[in-house]
Protein backbone atom coordinates (compact mmCIF):
# COMPACT_ATOMS: atom_id res chain seq x y z
CA MET A 1 -6.09 38.11 -30.59
CA ASN A 2 -5.53 37.29 -26.98
CA LYS A 3 -7.33 33.72 -26.09
CA GLN A 4 -8.16 32.64 -23.03
CA ILE A 5 -7.84 29.28 -22.20
CA ILE A 6 -9.33 27.83 -18.95
CA LYS A 7 -9.74 24.53 -17.35
CA PHE A 8 -12.60 23.39 -14.99
CA CYS A 9 -13.03 21.65 -11.88
CA TYR A 10 -16.58 19.79 -11.18
CA ARG A 11 -16.50 18.36 -7.70
CA LYS A 12 -19.40 15.30 -7.64
CA ILE A 13 -20.35 14.27 -3.89
CA ILE A 14 -21.70 11.26 -3.88
CA ASP A 15 -23.55 10.04 -0.39
CA ALA A 16 -26.21 7.70 0.97
CA GLN A 17 -28.70 9.55 -0.50
CA SER A 18 -27.19 9.78 -3.98
CA ALA A 19 -29.60 7.81 -6.49
CA LYS A 20 -28.40 7.42 -9.83
CA ALA A 21 -27.54 3.69 -10.12
CA TRP A 22 -23.68 4.65 -11.08
CA GLU A 23 -23.69 6.80 -7.70
CA LYS A 24 -24.76 3.88 -5.81
CA LEU A 25 -22.00 1.95 -7.06
CA VAL A 26 -19.21 4.55 -6.21
CA PHE A 27 -20.85 4.58 -2.65
CA GLU A 28 -20.88 1.21 -2.17
CA ASP A 29 -17.19 -0.06 -3.08
CA SER A 30 -15.64 2.82 -1.72
CA TYR A 31 -17.57 2.45 1.77
CA ALA A 32 -16.24 -1.34 1.33
CA GLU A 33 -12.90 -0.62 0.53
CA LEU A 34 -12.38 1.76 3.30
CA ARG A 35 -13.78 -0.54 5.70
CA LEU A 36 -11.01 -2.88 4.50
CA GLN A 37 -8.36 -0.40 4.13
CA MET A 38 -9.01 1.09 7.98
CA GLN A 39 -8.49 -2.03 9.15
CA ASN A 40 -4.32 -1.47 8.72
CA TYR A 41 -4.44 1.19 11.59
CA PRO A 42 -4.63 -0.44 14.85
CA GLN A 43 -6.37 2.63 16.12
CA HIS A 44 -9.59 2.23 14.34
CA LYS A 45 -11.58 0.66 17.11
CA GLN A 46 -10.88 3.61 18.89
CA TYR A 47 -11.45 6.09 16.34
CA PRO A 48 -14.30 4.73 13.96
CA SER A 49 -15.01 7.68 12.31
CA TYR A 50 -12.69 8.55 9.43
CA GLY A 51 -12.48 12.64 11.03
CA GLU A 52 -11.60 11.20 14.31
CA LEU A 53 -8.78 8.84 12.63
CA LEU A 54 -7.85 11.34 10.69
CA HIS A 55 -7.32 13.57 13.66
CA TYR A 56 -5.65 11.25 15.78
CA VAL A 57 -3.88 9.22 13.32
CA PRO A 58 -2.05 11.47 10.53
CA GLU A 59 -0.97 8.43 8.57
CA ALA A 60 -4.63 8.24 7.76
CA ALA A 61 -4.44 10.82 5.16
CA GLN A 62 -3.25 7.93 2.90
CA LEU A 63 -6.52 6.81 3.09
CA SER A 64 -8.30 8.07 -0.29
CA ALA A 65 -5.59 7.39 -1.97
CA ARG A 66 -5.91 3.45 -1.19
CA VAL A 67 -9.41 3.61 -1.35
CA ALA A 68 -9.17 5.41 -4.94
CA PRO A 69 -8.54 2.32 -6.92
CA ALA A 70 -12.10 0.92 -5.79
CA VAL A 71 -13.72 3.25 -8.01
CA THR A 72 -11.51 3.90 -10.76
CA GLY A 73 -13.36 1.76 -13.09
CA TYR A 74 -16.22 3.48 -12.62
CA VAL A 75 -14.73 6.55 -13.36
CA GLN A 76 -13.44 4.97 -16.44
CA GLN A 77 -17.01 3.80 -17.56
CA LEU A 78 -17.81 7.75 -18.24
CA SER A 79 -15.39 7.55 -21.36
CA GLU A 80 -13.71 11.02 -19.99
CA ILE A 81 -17.11 12.91 -20.18
CA MET A 82 -17.77 14.80 -17.01
CA PRO A 83 -21.17 13.80 -15.49
CA ASP A 84 -24.09 16.51 -14.68
CA VAL A 85 -22.11 18.84 -16.48
CA LEU A 86 -24.41 20.00 -19.35
CA ASN A 87 -24.44 22.58 -22.37
CA ASN A 88 -27.62 24.47 -23.10
CA LEU A 89 -29.03 21.84 -25.14
CA GLY A 90 -28.82 19.65 -22.29
CA ARG A 91 -25.79 16.96 -23.34
CA ARG A 92 -23.16 16.13 -21.78
CA PHE A 93 -20.04 17.16 -23.75
CA MET A 94 -16.92 18.41 -21.42
CA GLN A 95 -14.11 15.93 -21.49
CA PHE A 96 -11.87 15.60 -18.25
CA ASP A 97 -8.25 14.00 -18.28
CA LYS A 98 -7.64 13.80 -14.74
CA PHE A 99 -9.65 13.29 -11.72
CA LYS A 100 -9.22 12.93 -7.94
CA PHE A 101 -11.03 10.69 -5.30
CA GLU A 102 -11.47 11.89 -1.69
CA ILE A 103 -12.98 10.70 1.25
CA ILE A 104 -15.14 13.47 2.89
CA ASN A 105 -16.83 11.45 5.53
CA SER A 106 -17.18 7.96 7.08
CA HIS A 107 -17.74 5.87 9.89
CA LEU A 108 -17.03 2.07 10.27
CA SER A 109 -20.58 1.22 11.11
CA GLN A 110 -22.59 3.86 10.24
CA PRO A 111 -22.96 3.89 6.05
CA ASP A 112 -25.10 6.58 6.10
CA LYS A 113 -22.38 8.87 7.03
CA HIS A 114 -20.10 7.77 4.34
CA GLN A 115 -19.51 11.02 2.00
CA VAL A 116 -16.60 11.04 -1.19
CA ALA A 117 -16.31 13.52 -3.79
CA ILE A 118 -14.73 12.98 -7.18
CA ASN A 119 -13.40 16.18 -8.66
CA PHE A 120 -12.89 15.77 -12.53
CA TYR A 121 -10.29 18.37 -14.29
CA SER A 122 -11.27 19.12 -17.54
CA VAL A 123 -9.12 19.41 -20.70
CA PRO A 124 -8.33 23.10 -21.74
CA MET A 125 -11.08 24.58 -23.36
CA LEU A 126 -11.11 28.04 -25.25
CA TRP A 127 -13.34 31.04 -23.75
CA HIS A 128 -14.74 33.08 -26.28
CA ASN A 129 -17.13 35.41 -24.57
CA THR A 130 -20.17 35.62 -22.09
CA VAL A 131 -23.77 35.53 -23.54
CA GLY A 132 -26.23 36.61 -20.75
CA ASP A 133 -25.13 33.60 -17.91
CA TYR A 134 -23.76 31.58 -20.26
CA LEU A 135 -20.03 31.11 -21.21
CA LEU A 136 -19.57 29.97 -24.96
CA ILE A 137 -16.76 27.94 -25.02
CA SER A 138 -14.97 25.01 -27.05
CA SER A 139 -12.50 22.57 -27.34
CA ALA A 140 -8.49 24.09 -27.47
CA ASP A 141 -7.94 21.25 -29.24
CA GLU A 142 -10.07 22.12 -32.37
CA ASP A 143 -8.85 25.73 -32.50
CA THR A 144 -8.07 25.72 -36.29
CA GLY A 145 -8.45 29.42 -36.68
CA SER A 146 -11.81 28.40 -38.70
CA GLU A 147 -15.03 27.31 -37.96
CA MET A 148 -15.44 25.00 -34.77
CA ALA A 149 -17.98 23.27 -32.60
CA THR A 150 -19.01 25.27 -29.37
CA HIS A 151 -21.06 25.12 -26.54
CA LEU A 152 -23.03 27.67 -24.26
CA MET A 153 -22.64 26.65 -20.80
CA GLN A 154 -24.02 27.90 -17.62
CA LEU A 155 -21.67 27.81 -14.51
CA GLN A 156 -23.50 25.70 -11.89
CA PRO A 157 -22.91 24.65 -8.04
CA TYR A 158 -19.69 22.58 -7.64
CA LEU A 159 -18.34 23.29 -11.01
CA SER A 160 -15.54 25.98 -11.05
CA ILE A 161 -12.90 27.30 -13.69
CA CYS A 162 -9.65 26.17 -11.70
CA SER A 163 -7.10 27.60 -14.12
CA LEU A 164 -6.87 30.71 -16.79
CA GLN A 165 -4.20 31.41 -19.26
CA GLU A 166 -3.92 34.06 -21.85
CA SER A 167 -1.99 33.09 -25.32
CA ASN A 168 -1.87 34.26 -28.27
């Protein structure tokens, strides 16, 4: 029987309206680090918004990678479990093994315009079936051919299947 191995990507957007304590810390520290890193570009006074700086100074594309270490510790606090992705029992369950930080928008003197995203990439999951609006999935690591723990999960905004592989 062919098995479908899938990976998910969850895009967590954080901005000035984010309410959870963890999100606020990511917001504040990423904004502070971005302000420091933008000083490496002499044009930052002429182009104080991230979009303008990116447009006129192509090297500014490195800013996301330079700011990412400021949030890495916060991502590690998640213990490799994706935030906000719940099974039908309301529990966080989906493990991730990679993440990518990106700056969406920002401005040197207007913190309310600062917006970032963290893209979380799941470990491989087995897709067993679709039940109504729910996916029946389990960890690919637990595939022993016998009984295994499964999760029913509904797709939600900013959560997508990012890869699909069929195997025997």
